[in-house]
PDB file of all heavy atoms in Angstrom:
ATOM      1  N   TYR A   1     -12.621 -41.881  -4.250  1.00  0.00           N
ATOM      2  CA  TYR A   1     -12.830 -40.778  -5.186  1.00  0.00           C
ATOM      3  C   TYR A   1     -13.362 -39.592  -4.396  1.00  0.00           C
ATOM      4  O   TYR A   1     -14.131 -39.768  -3.439  1.00  0.00           O
ATOM      5  CB  TYR A   1     -13.842 -41.206  -6.242  1.00  0.00           C
ATOM      6  CG  TYR A   1     -13.813 -40.411  -7.518  1.00  0.00           C
ATOM      7  CD1 TYR A   1     -12.801 -40.581  -8.451  1.00  0.00           C
ATOM      8  CD2 TYR A   1     -14.819 -39.493  -7.810  1.00  0.00           C
ATOM      9  CE1 TYR A   1     -12.779 -39.866  -9.639  1.00  0.00           C
ATOM     10  CE2 TYR A   1     -14.811 -38.774  -8.994  1.00  0.00           C
ATOM     11  CZ  TYR A   1     -13.784 -38.960  -9.905  1.00  0.00           C
ATOM     12  OH  TYR A   1     -13.768 -38.250 -11.080  1.00  0.00           O
ATOM     13  N   ALA A   2     -12.940 -38.381  -4.783  1.00  0.00           N
ATOM     14  CA  ALA A   2     -13.358 -37.189  -4.052  1.00  0.00           C
ATOM     15  C   ALA A   2     -13.601 -36.037  -5.020  1.00  0.00           C
ATOM     16  O   ALA A   2     -13.086 -36.022  -6.142  1.00  0.00           O
ATOM     17  CB  ALA A   2     -12.298 -36.798  -3.025  1.00  0.00           C
ATOM     18  N   LEU A   3     -14.386 -35.085  -4.551  1.00  0.00           N
ATOM     19  CA  LEU A   3     -14.642 -33.854  -5.291  1.00  0.00           C
ATOM     20  C   LEU A   3     -14.227 -32.663  -4.450  1.00  0.00           C
ATOM     21  O   LEU A   3     -14.412 -32.651  -3.230  1.00  0.00           O
ATOM     22  CB  LEU A   3     -16.131 -33.714  -5.627  1.00  0.00           C
ATOM     23  CG  LEU A   3     -16.802 -34.802  -6.463  1.00  0.00           C
ATOM     24  CD1 LEU A   3     -18.296 -34.535  -6.575  1.00  0.00           C
ATOM     25  CD2 LEU A   3     -16.171 -34.893  -7.840  1.00  0.00           C
ATOM     26  N   THR A   4     -13.658 -31.666  -5.084  1.00  0.00           N
ATOM     27  CA  THR A   4     -13.439 -30.370  -4.464  1.00  0.00           C
ATOM     28  C   THR A   4     -13.646 -29.306  -5.539  1.00  0.00           C
ATOM     29  O   THR A   4     -14.211 -29.597  -6.598  1.00  0.00           O
ATOM     30  CB  THR A   4     -12.041 -30.267  -3.809  1.00  0.00           C
ATOM     31  OG1 THR A   4     -11.962 -29.032  -3.072  1.00  0.00           O
ATOM     32  CG2 THR A   4     -10.921 -30.312  -4.828  1.00  0.00           C
ATOM     33  N   HIS A   5     -13.211 -28.104  -5.275  1.00  0.00           N
ATOM     34  CA  HIS A   5     -13.359 -27.022  -6.245  1.00  0.00           C
ATOM     35  C   HIS A   5     -12.089 -26.183  -6.223  1.00  0.00           C
ATOM     36  O   HIS A   5     -11.288 -26.265  -5.286  1.00  0.00           O
ATOM     37  CB  HIS A   5     -14.563 -26.137  -5.890  1.00  0.00           C
ATOM     38  CG  HIS A   5     -14.428 -25.500  -4.527  1.00  0.00           C
ATOM     39  ND1 HIS A   5     -13.833 -24.273  -4.333  1.00  0.00           N
ATOM     40  CD2 HIS A   5     -14.782 -25.950  -3.301  1.00  0.00           C
ATOM     41  CE1 HIS A   5     -13.829 -23.981  -3.056  1.00  0.00           C
ATOM     42  NE2 HIS A   5     -14.399 -24.985  -2.394  1.00  0.00           N
ATOM     43  N   THR A   6     -11.889 -25.394  -7.247  1.00  0.00           N
ATOM     44  CA  THR A   6     -10.742 -24.501  -7.252  1.00  0.00           C
ATOM     45  C   THR A   6     -11.043 -23.263  -6.417  1.00  0.00           C
ATOM     46  O   THR A   6     -12.199 -22.824  -6.310  1.00  0.00           O
ATOM     47  CB  THR A   6     -10.385 -24.045  -8.676  1.00  0.00           C
ATOM     48  OG1 THR A   6     -11.513 -23.379  -9.255  1.00  0.00           O
ATOM     49  CG2 THR A   6      -9.997 -25.230  -9.549  1.00  0.00           C
ATOM     50  N   ILE A   7     -10.001 -22.716  -5.810  1.00  0.00           N
ATOM     51  CA  ILE A   7     -10.144 -21.418  -5.152  1.00  0.00           C
ATOM     52  C   ILE A   7     -10.383 -20.343  -6.203  1.00  0.00           C
ATOM     53  O   ILE A   7     -11.172 -19.420  -6.009  1.00  0.00           O
ATOM     54  CB  ILE A   7      -8.876 -21.115  -4.322  1.00  0.00           C
ATOM     55  CG1 ILE A   7      -8.814 -22.053  -3.104  1.00  0.00           C
ATOM     56  CG2 ILE A   7      -8.835 -19.647  -3.894  1.00  0.00           C
ATOM     57  CD1 ILE A   7      -7.570 -21.906  -2.275  1.00  0.00           C
ATOM     58  N   GLU A   8      -9.723 -20.510  -7.338  1.00  0.00           N
ATOM     59  CA  GLU A   8      -9.800 -19.513  -8.409  1.00  0.00           C
ATOM     60  C   GLU A   8     -11.109 -19.605  -9.191  1.00  0.00           C
ATOM     61  O   GLU A   8     -11.639 -20.691  -9.402  1.00  0.00           O
ATOM     62  CB  GLU A   8      -8.638 -19.693  -9.390  1.00  0.00           C
ATOM     63  CG  GLU A   8      -7.270 -19.404  -8.802  1.00  0.00           C
ATOM     64  CD  GLU A   8      -6.679 -20.566  -8.020  1.00  0.00           C
ATOM     65  OE1 GLU A   8      -7.336 -21.629  -7.929  1.00  0.00           O
ATOM     66  OE2 GLU A   8      -5.562 -20.421  -7.502  1.00  0.00           O
ATOM     67  N   THR A   9     -11.584 -18.442  -9.612  1.00  0.00           N
ATOM     68  CA  THR A   9     -12.661 -18.339 -10.601  1.00  0.00           C
ATOM     69  C   THR A   9     -12.014 -18.054 -11.955  1.00  0.00           C
ATOM     70  O   THR A   9     -11.112 -17.219 -12.049  1.00  0.00           O
ATOM     71  CB  THR A   9     -13.632 -17.197 -10.238  1.00  0.00           C
ATOM     72  OG1 THR A   9     -14.294 -17.523  -9.013  1.00  0.00           O
ATOM     73  CG2 THR A   9     -14.666 -16.987 -11.338  1.00  0.00           C
ATOM     74  N   ILE A  10     -12.450 -18.749 -12.979  1.00  0.00           N
ATOM     75  CA  ILE A  10     -11.878 -18.605 -14.319  1.00  0.00           C
ATOM     76  C   ILE A  10     -12.950 -18.105 -15.274  1.00  0.00           C
ATOM     77  O   ILE A  10     -14.092 -18.584 -15.245  1.00  0.00           O
ATOM     78  CB  ILE A  10     -11.295 -19.945 -14.813  1.00  0.00           C
ATOM     79  CG1 ILE A  10     -10.186 -20.412 -13.854  1.00  0.00           C
ATOM     80  CG2 ILE A  10     -10.743 -19.811 -16.234  1.00  0.00           C
ATOM     81  CD1 ILE A  10      -9.596 -21.755 -14.196  1.00  0.00           C
ATOM     82  N   ARG A  11     -12.567 -17.136 -16.102  1.00  0.00           N
ATOM     83  CA  ARG A  11     -13.466 -16.595 -17.124  1.00  0.00           C
ATOM     84  C   ARG A  11     -12.840 -16.881 -18.485  1.00  0.00           C
ATOM     85  O   ARG A  11     -11.890 -16.206 -18.886  1.00  0.00           O
ATOM     86  CB  ARG A  11     -13.684 -15.098 -16.920  1.00  0.00           C
ATOM     87  CG  ARG A  11     -14.344 -14.744 -15.592  1.00  0.00           C
ATOM     88  CD  ARG A  11     -14.457 -13.229 -15.403  1.00  0.00           C
ATOM     89  NE  ARG A  11     -15.133 -12.916 -14.146  1.00  0.00           N
ATOM     90  CZ  ARG A  11     -14.513 -12.810 -12.976  1.00  0.00           C
ATOM     91  NH1 ARG A  11     -13.195 -12.986 -12.906  1.00  0.00           N
ATOM     92  NH2 ARG A  11     -15.185 -12.543 -11.875  1.00  0.00           N
ATOM     93  N   VAL A  12     -13.351 -17.871 -19.176  1.00  0.00           N
ATOM     94  CA  VAL A  12     -12.760 -18.301 -20.447  1.00  0.00           C
ATOM     95  C   VAL A  12     -13.286 -17.421 -21.581  1.00  0.00           C
ATOM     96  O   VAL A  12     -14.500 -17.349 -21.799  1.00  0.00           O
ATOM     97  CB  VAL A  12     -13.092 -19.784 -20.739  1.00  0.00           C
ATOM     98  CG1 VAL A  12     -12.373 -20.242 -22.012  1.00  0.00           C
ATOM     99  CG2 VAL A  12     -12.692 -20.671 -19.558  1.00  0.00           C
ATOM    100  N   PRO A  13     -12.406 -16.740 -22.340  1.00  0.00           N
ATOM    101  CA  PRO A  13     -12.862 -15.956 -23.492  1.00  0.00           C
ATOM    102  C   PRO A  13     -13.516 -16.855 -24.543  1.00  0.00           C
ATOM    103  O   PRO A  13     -13.261 -18.065 -24.590  1.00  0.00           O
ATOM    104  CB  PRO A  13     -11.558 -15.334 -24.027  1.00  0.00           C
ATOM    105  CG  PRO A  13     -10.609 -15.363 -22.870  1.00  0.00           C
ATOM    106  CD  PRO A  13     -10.955 -16.605 -22.100  1.00  0.00           C
ATOM    107  N   ARG A  14     -14.313 -16.280 -25.436  1.00  0.00           N
ATOM    108  CA  ARG A  14     -15.072 -17.083 -26.394  1.00  0.00           C
ATOM    109  C   ARG A  14     -14.194 -17.665 -27.500  1.00  0.00           C
ATOM    110  O   ARG A  14     -14.637 -18.546 -28.233  1.00  0.00           O
ATOM    111  CB  ARG A  14     -16.253 -16.314 -26.973  1.00  0.00           C
ATOM    112  CG  ARG A  14     -15.934 -15.138 -27.812  1.00  0.00           C
ATOM    113  CD  ARG A  14     -17.208 -14.535 -28.411  1.00  0.00           C
ATOM    114  NE  ARG A  14     -17.876 -15.425 -29.331  1.00  0.00           N
ATOM    115  CZ  ARG A  14     -19.104 -15.932 -29.151  1.00  0.00           C
ATOM    116  NH1 ARG A  14     -19.802 -15.627 -28.098  1.00  0.00           N
ATOM    117  NH2 ARG A  14     -19.629 -16.736 -30.055  1.00  0.00           N
ATOM    118  N   ASN A  15     -12.962 -17.189 -27.649  1.00  0.00           N
ATOM    119  CA  ASN A  15     -12.053 -17.785 -28.649  1.00  0.00           C
ATOM    120  C   ASN A  15     -10.993 -18.679 -28.004  1.00  0.00           C
ATOM    121  O   ASN A  15     -10.004 -19.022 -28.629  1.00  0.00           O
ATOM    122  CB  ASN A  15     -11.372 -16.692 -29.470  1.00  0.00           C
ATOM    123  CG  ASN A  15     -10.436 -15.831 -28.631  1.00  0.00           C
ATOM    124  OD1 ASN A  15     -10.664 -15.642 -27.429  1.00  0.00           O
ATOM    125  ND2 ASN A  15      -9.403 -15.308 -29.253  1.00  0.00           N
ATOM    126  N   ILE A  16     -11.223 -19.044 -26.744  1.00  0.00           N
ATOM    127  CA  ILE A  16     -10.280 -19.881 -25.991  1.00  0.00           C
ATOM    128  C   ILE A  16     -11.010 -21.115 -25.470  1.00  0.00           C
ATOM    129  O   ILE A  16     -12.166 -21.029 -25.051  1.00  0.00           O
ATOM    130  CB  ILE A  16      -9.681 -19.097 -24.800  1.00  0.00           C
ATOM    131  CG1 ILE A  16      -8.865 -17.893 -25.273  1.00  0.00           C
ATOM    132  CG2 ILE A  16      -8.833 -20.011 -23.922  1.00  0.00           C
ATOM    133  CD1 ILE A  16      -7.562 -18.228 -25.952  1.00  0.00           C
ATOM    134  N   THR A  17     -10.338 -22.264 -25.476  1.00  0.00           N
ATOM    135  CA  THR A  17     -10.822 -23.425 -24.736  1.00  0.00           C
ATOM    136  C   THR A  17      -9.673 -23.921 -23.875  1.00  0.00           C
ATOM    137  O   THR A  17      -8.497 -23.745 -24.221  1.00  0.00           O
ATOM    138  CB  THR A  17     -11.335 -24.536 -25.680  1.00  0.00           C
ATOM    139  OG1 THR A  17     -12.093 -25.490 -24.933  1.00  0.00           O
ATOM    140  CG2 THR A  17     -10.200 -25.237 -26.401  1.00  0.00           C
ATOM    141  N   CYS A  18      -9.992 -24.494 -22.742  1.00  0.00           N
ATOM    142  CA  CYS A  18      -8.967 -24.899 -21.774  1.00  0.00           C
ATOM    143  C   CYS A  18      -9.016 -26.403 -21.532  1.00  0.00           C
ATOM    144  O   CYS A  18     -10.079 -27.028 -21.612  1.00  0.00           O
ATOM    145  CB  CYS A  18      -9.165 -24.181 -20.437  1.00  0.00           C
ATOM    146  SG  CYS A  18      -9.155 -22.395 -20.528  1.00  0.00           S
ATOM    147  N   ILE A  19      -7.859 -26.950 -21.187  1.00  0.00           N
ATOM    148  CA  ILE A  19      -7.762 -28.328 -20.727  1.00  0.00           C
ATOM    149  C   ILE A  19      -7.103 -28.305 -19.353  1.00  0.00           C
ATOM    150  O   ILE A  19      -6.055 -27.671 -19.164  1.00  0.00           O
ATOM    151  CB  ILE A  19      -6.916 -29.197 -21.693  1.00  0.00           C
ATOM    152  CG1 ILE A  19      -7.578 -29.267 -23.069  1.00  0.00           C
ATOM    153  CG2 ILE A  19      -6.731 -30.600 -21.120  1.00  0.00           C
ATOM    154  CD1 ILE A  19      -8.888 -30.003 -23.105  1.00  0.00           C
ATOM    155  N   CYS A  20      -7.709 -28.976 -18.390  1.00  0.00           N
ATOM    156  CA  CYS A  20      -7.165 -29.072 -17.032  1.00  0.00           C
ATOM    157  C   CYS A  20      -6.563 -30.460 -16.836  1.00  0.00           C
ATOM    158  O   CYS A  20      -7.233 -31.478 -17.072  1.00  0.00           O
ATOM    159  CB  CYS A  20      -8.253 -28.843 -15.991  1.00  0.00           C
ATOM    160  SG  CYS A  20      -9.102 -27.258 -16.154  1.00  0.00           S
ATOM    161  N   ILE A  21      -5.299 -30.501 -16.390  1.00  0.00           N
ATOM    162  CA  ILE A  21      -4.601 -31.774 -16.185  1.00  0.00           C
ATOM    163  C   ILE A  21      -3.999 -31.808 -14.789  1.00  0.00           C
ATOM    164  O   ILE A  21      -3.689 -30.767 -14.201  1.00  0.00           O
ATOM    165  CB  ILE A  21      -3.499 -31.989 -17.253  1.00  0.00           C
ATOM    166  CG1 ILE A  21      -2.491 -30.835 -17.226  1.00  0.00           C
ATOM    167  CG2 ILE A  21      -4.110 -32.137 -18.632  1.00  0.00           C
ATOM    168  CD1 ILE A  21      -1.324 -31.027 -18.172  1.00  0.00           C
ATOM    169  N   GLY A  22      -3.838 -33.000 -14.248  1.00  0.00           N
ATOM    170  CA  GLY A  22      -3.308 -33.158 -12.898  1.00  0.00           C
ATOM    171  C   GLY A  22      -1.822 -32.831 -12.810  1.00  0.00           C
ATOM    172  O   GLY A  22      -1.096 -32.859 -13.799  1.00  0.00           O
ATOM    173  N   LYS A  23      -1.383 -32.539 -11.584  1.00  0.00           N
ATOM    174  CA  LYS A  23       0.025 -32.230 -11.344  1.00  0.00           C
ATOM    175  C   LYS A  23       0.819 -33.517 -11.148  1.00  0.00           C
ATOM    176  O   LYS A  23       0.355 -34.458 -10.504  1.00  0.00           O
ATOM    177  CB  LYS A  23       0.166 -31.328 -10.120  1.00  0.00           C
ATOM    178  CG  LYS A  23      -0.408 -29.932 -10.345  1.00  0.00           C
ATOM    179  CD  LYS A  23      -0.263 -29.064  -9.118  1.00  0.00           C
ATOM    180  CE  LYS A  23       1.192 -28.754  -8.789  1.00  0.00           C
ATOM    181  NZ  LYS A  23       1.858 -27.932  -9.806  1.00  0.00           N
ATOM    182  N   SER A  24       2.028 -33.540 -11.679  1.00  0.00           N
ATOM    183  CA  SER A  24       2.842 -34.756 -11.620  1.00  0.00           C
ATOM    184  C   SER A  24       3.233 -35.110 -10.190  1.00  0.00           C
ATOM    185  O   SER A  24       3.435 -36.286  -9.866  1.00  0.00           O
ATOM    186  CB  SER A  24       4.096 -34.602 -12.484  1.00  0.00           C
ATOM    187  OG  SER A  24       4.932 -33.583 -11.982  1.00  0.00           O
ATOM    188  N   THR A  25       3.337 -34.110  -9.304  1.00  0.00           N
ATOM    189  CA  THR A  25       3.678 -34.393  -7.901  1.00  0.00           C
ATOM    190  C   THR A  25       2.652 -35.325  -7.282  1.00  0.00           C
ATOM    191  O   THR A  25       2.997 -36.305  -6.605  1.00  0.00           O
ATOM    192  CB  THR A  25       3.757 -33.084  -7.097  1.00  0.00           C
ATOM    193  OG1 THR A  25       4.791 -32.269  -7.638  1.00  0.00           O
ATOM    194  CG2 THR A  25       4.062 -33.353  -5.628  1.00  0.00           C
ATOM    195  N   TYR A  26       1.373 -35.053  -7.521  1.00  0.00           N
ATOM    196  CA  TYR A  26       0.323 -35.919  -6.985  1.00  0.00           C
ATOM    197  C   TYR A  26       0.253 -37.233  -7.762  1.00  0.00           C
ATOM    198  O   TYR A  26      -0.011 -38.297  -7.177  1.00  0.00           O
ATOM    199  CB  TYR A  26      -1.025 -35.213  -7.025  1.00  0.00           C
ATOM    200  CG  TYR A  26      -1.283 -34.322  -5.832  1.00  0.00           C
ATOM    201  CD1 TYR A  26      -1.665 -32.995  -5.993  1.00  0.00           C
ATOM    202  CD2 TYR A  26      -1.146 -34.796  -4.536  1.00  0.00           C
ATOM    203  CE1 TYR A  26      -1.894 -32.174  -4.892  1.00  0.00           C
ATOM    204  CE2 TYR A  26      -1.382 -33.993  -3.427  1.00  0.00           C
ATOM    205  CZ  TYR A  26      -1.750 -32.683  -3.621  1.00  0.00           C
ATOM    206  OH  TYR A  26      -1.983 -31.873  -2.535  1.00  0.00           O
ATOM    207  N   ALA A  27       0.471 -37.186  -9.076  1.00  0.00           N
ATOM    208  CA  ALA A  27       0.408 -38.414  -9.874  1.00  0.00           C
ATOM    209  C   ALA A  27       1.427 -39.437  -9.367  1.00  0.00           C
ATOM    210  O   ALA A  27       1.167 -40.645  -9.375  1.00  0.00           O
ATOM    211  CB  ALA A  27       0.659 -38.099 -11.341  1.00  0.00           C
ATOM    212  N   ARG A  28       2.587 -38.962  -8.898  1.00  0.00           N
ATOM    213  CA  ARG A  28       3.623 -39.871  -8.384  1.00  0.00           C
ATOM    214  C   ARG A  28       3.237 -40.502  -7.055  1.00  0.00           C
ATOM    215  O   ARG A  28       3.887 -41.434  -6.591  1.00  0.00           O
ATOM    216  CB  ARG A  28       4.935 -39.109  -8.241  1.00  0.00           C
ATOM    217  CG  ARG A  28       5.467 -38.597  -9.574  1.00  0.00           C
ATOM    218  CD  ARG A  28       6.580 -37.585  -9.372  1.00  0.00           C
ATOM    219  NE  ARG A  28       6.709 -36.747 -10.565  1.00  0.00           N
ATOM    220  CZ  ARG A  28       7.857 -36.504 -11.190  1.00  0.00           C
ATOM    221  NH1 ARG A  28       8.973 -37.027 -10.740  1.00  0.00           N
ATOM    222  NH2 ARG A  28       7.872 -35.733 -12.243  1.00  0.00           N
ATOM    223  N   CYS A  29       2.149 -39.967  -6.456  1.00  0.00           N
ATOM    224  CA  CYS A  29       1.638 -40.522  -5.204  1.00  0.00           C
ATOM    225  C   CYS A  29       0.367 -41.335  -5.427  1.00  0.00           C
ATOM    226  O   CYS A  29      -0.274 -41.760  -4.463  1.00  0.00           O
ATOM    227  CB  CYS A  29       1.361 -39.403  -4.208  1.00  0.00           C
ATOM    228  SG  CYS A  29       2.807 -38.428  -3.757  1.00  0.00           S
ATOM    229  N   GLY A  30      -0.002 -41.529  -6.691  1.00  0.00           N
ATOM    230  CA  GLY A  30      -1.194 -42.313  -7.001  1.00  0.00           C
ATOM    231  C   GLY A  30      -2.476 -41.506  -7.074  1.00  0.00           C
ATOM    232  O   GLY A  30      -3.559 -42.074  -7.199  1.00  0.00           O
ATOM    233  N   ILE A  31      -2.361 -40.168  -6.999  1.00  0.00           N
ATOM    234  CA  ILE A  31      -3.530 -39.301  -7.078  1.00  0.00           C
ATOM    235  C   ILE A  31      -3.700 -38.822  -8.515  1.00  0.00           C
ATOM    236  O   ILE A  31      -2.786 -38.246  -9.101  1.00  0.00           O
ATOM    237  CB  ILE A  31      -3.387 -38.092  -6.133  1.00  0.00           C
ATOM    238  CG1 ILE A  31      -3.468 -38.557  -4.670  1.00  0.00           C
ATOM    239  CG2 ILE A  31      -4.436 -37.037  -6.414  1.00  0.00           C
ATOM    240  CD1 ILE A  31      -4.836 -39.078  -4.261  1.00  0.00           C
ATOM    241  N   HIS A  32      -4.891 -39.039  -9.065  1.00  0.00           N
ATOM    242  CA  HIS A  32      -5.164 -38.667 -10.454  1.00  0.00           C
ATOM    243  C   HIS A  32      -6.314 -37.665 -10.496  1.00  0.00           C
ATOM    244  O   HIS A  32      -7.355 -37.873  -9.867  1.00  0.00           O
ATOM    245  CB  HIS A  32      -5.518 -39.903 -11.275  1.00  0.00           C
ATOM    246  CG  HIS A  32      -4.457 -40.956 -11.240  1.00  0.00           C
ATOM    247  ND1 HIS A  32      -3.272 -40.840 -11.927  1.00  0.00           N
ATOM    248  CD2 HIS A  32      -4.398 -42.143 -10.570  1.00  0.00           C
ATOM    249  CE1 HIS A  32      -2.517 -41.905 -11.694  1.00  0.00           C
ATOM    250  NE2 HIS A  32      -3.179 -42.708 -10.879  1.00  0.00           N
ATOM    251  N   VAL A  33      -6.115 -36.596 -11.246  1.00  0.00           N
ATOM    252  CA  VAL A  33      -7.154 -35.592 -11.463  1.00  0.00           C
ATOM    253  C   VAL A  33      -7.740 -35.816 -12.847  1.00  0.00           C
ATOM    254  O   VAL A  33      -7.005 -35.945 -13.828  1.00  0.00           O
ATOM    255  CB  VAL A  33      -6.574 -34.167 -11.342  1.00  0.00           C
ATOM    256  CG1 VAL A  33      -7.634 -33.123 -11.704  1.00  0.00           C
ATOM    257  CG2 VAL A  33      -6.059 -33.930  -9.931  1.00  0.00           C
ATOM    258  N   ASN A  34      -9.063 -35.881 -12.912  1.00  0.00           N
ATOM    259  CA  ASN A  34      -9.731 -36.114 -14.185  1.00  0.00           C
ATOM    260  C   ASN A  34      -9.409 -34.988 -15.175  1.00  0.00           C
ATOM    261  O   ASN A  34      -9.445 -33.805 -14.824  1.00  0.00           O
ATOM    262  CB  ASN A  34     -11.249 -36.179 -13.970  1.00  0.00           C
ATOM    263  CG  ASN A  34     -11.989 -36.525 -15.229  1.00  0.00           C
ATOM    264  OD1 ASN A  34     -11.735 -37.551 -15.846  1.00  0.00           O
ATOM    265  ND2 ASN A  34     -12.913 -35.668 -15.630  1.00  0.00           N
ATOM    266  N   VAL A  35      -9.067 -35.356 -16.406  1.00  0.00           N
ATOM    267  CA  VAL A  35      -8.821 -34.350 -17.449  1.00  0.00           C
ATOM    268  C   VAL A  35     -10.153 -33.666 -17.771  1.00  0.00           C
ATOM    269  O   VAL A  35     -11.128 -34.323 -18.139  1.00  0.00           O
ATOM    270  CB  VAL A  35      -8.225 -35.000 -18.708  1.00  0.00           C
ATOM    271  CG1 VAL A  35      -8.070 -33.960 -19.818  1.00  0.00           C
ATOM    272  CG2 VAL A  35      -6.885 -35.651 -18.390  1.00  0.00           C
ATOM    273  N   THR A  36     -10.183 -32.358 -17.597  1.00  0.00           N
ATOM    274  CA  THR A  36     -11.433 -31.613 -17.697  1.00  0.00           C
ATOM    275  C   THR A  36     -11.315 -30.478 -18.707  1.00  0.00           C
ATOM    276  O   THR A  36     -10.381 -29.682 -18.618  1.00  0.00           O
ATOM    277  CB  THR A  36     -11.802 -31.018 -16.316  1.00  0.00           C
ATOM    278  OG1 THR A  36     -11.898 -32.071 -15.351  1.00  0.00           O
ATOM    279  CG2 THR A  36     -13.122 -30.270 -16.380  1.00  0.00           C
ATOM    280  N   PRO A  37     -12.242 -30.358 -19.641  1.00  0.00           N
ATOM    281  CA  PRO A  37     -12.235 -29.190 -20.540  1.00  0.00           C
ATOM    282  C   PRO A  37     -13.012 -28.033 -19.913  1.00  0.00           C
ATOM    283  O   PRO A  37     -13.992 -28.239 -19.194  1.00  0.00           O
ATOM    284  CB  PRO A  37     -12.940 -29.714 -21.791  1.00  0.00           C
ATOM    285  CG  PRO A  37     -13.908 -30.729 -21.258  1.00  0.00           C
ATOM    286  CD  PRO A  37     -13.257 -31.351 -20.043  1.00  0.00           C
ATOM    287  N   LEU A  38     -12.567 -26.815 -20.176  1.00  0.00           N
ATOM    288  CA  LEU A  38     -13.339 -25.608 -19.863  1.00  0.00           C
ATOM    289  C   LEU A  38     -13.672 -24.978 -21.207  1.00  0.00           C
ATOM    290  O   LEU A  38     -12.782 -24.533 -21.927  1.00  0.00           O
ATOM    291  CB  LEU A  38     -12.530 -24.640 -18.992  1.00  0.00           C
ATOM    292  CG  LEU A  38     -11.922 -25.211 -17.698  1.00  0.00           C
ATOM    293  CD1 LEU A  38     -11.151 -24.127 -16.962  1.00  0.00           C
ATOM    294  CD2 LEU A  38     -12.994 -25.827 -16.816  1.00  0.00           C
TER     295      LEU A  38
END
């Protein structure tokens, strides 16, 4: 298991919520990104 961070900074508006999901390219290699809400 590993941790990193995004290069991007995100500013979520107060009427928006976000869901972060892993990319299928990595999923096909056995790499899973935790589903994360912003």
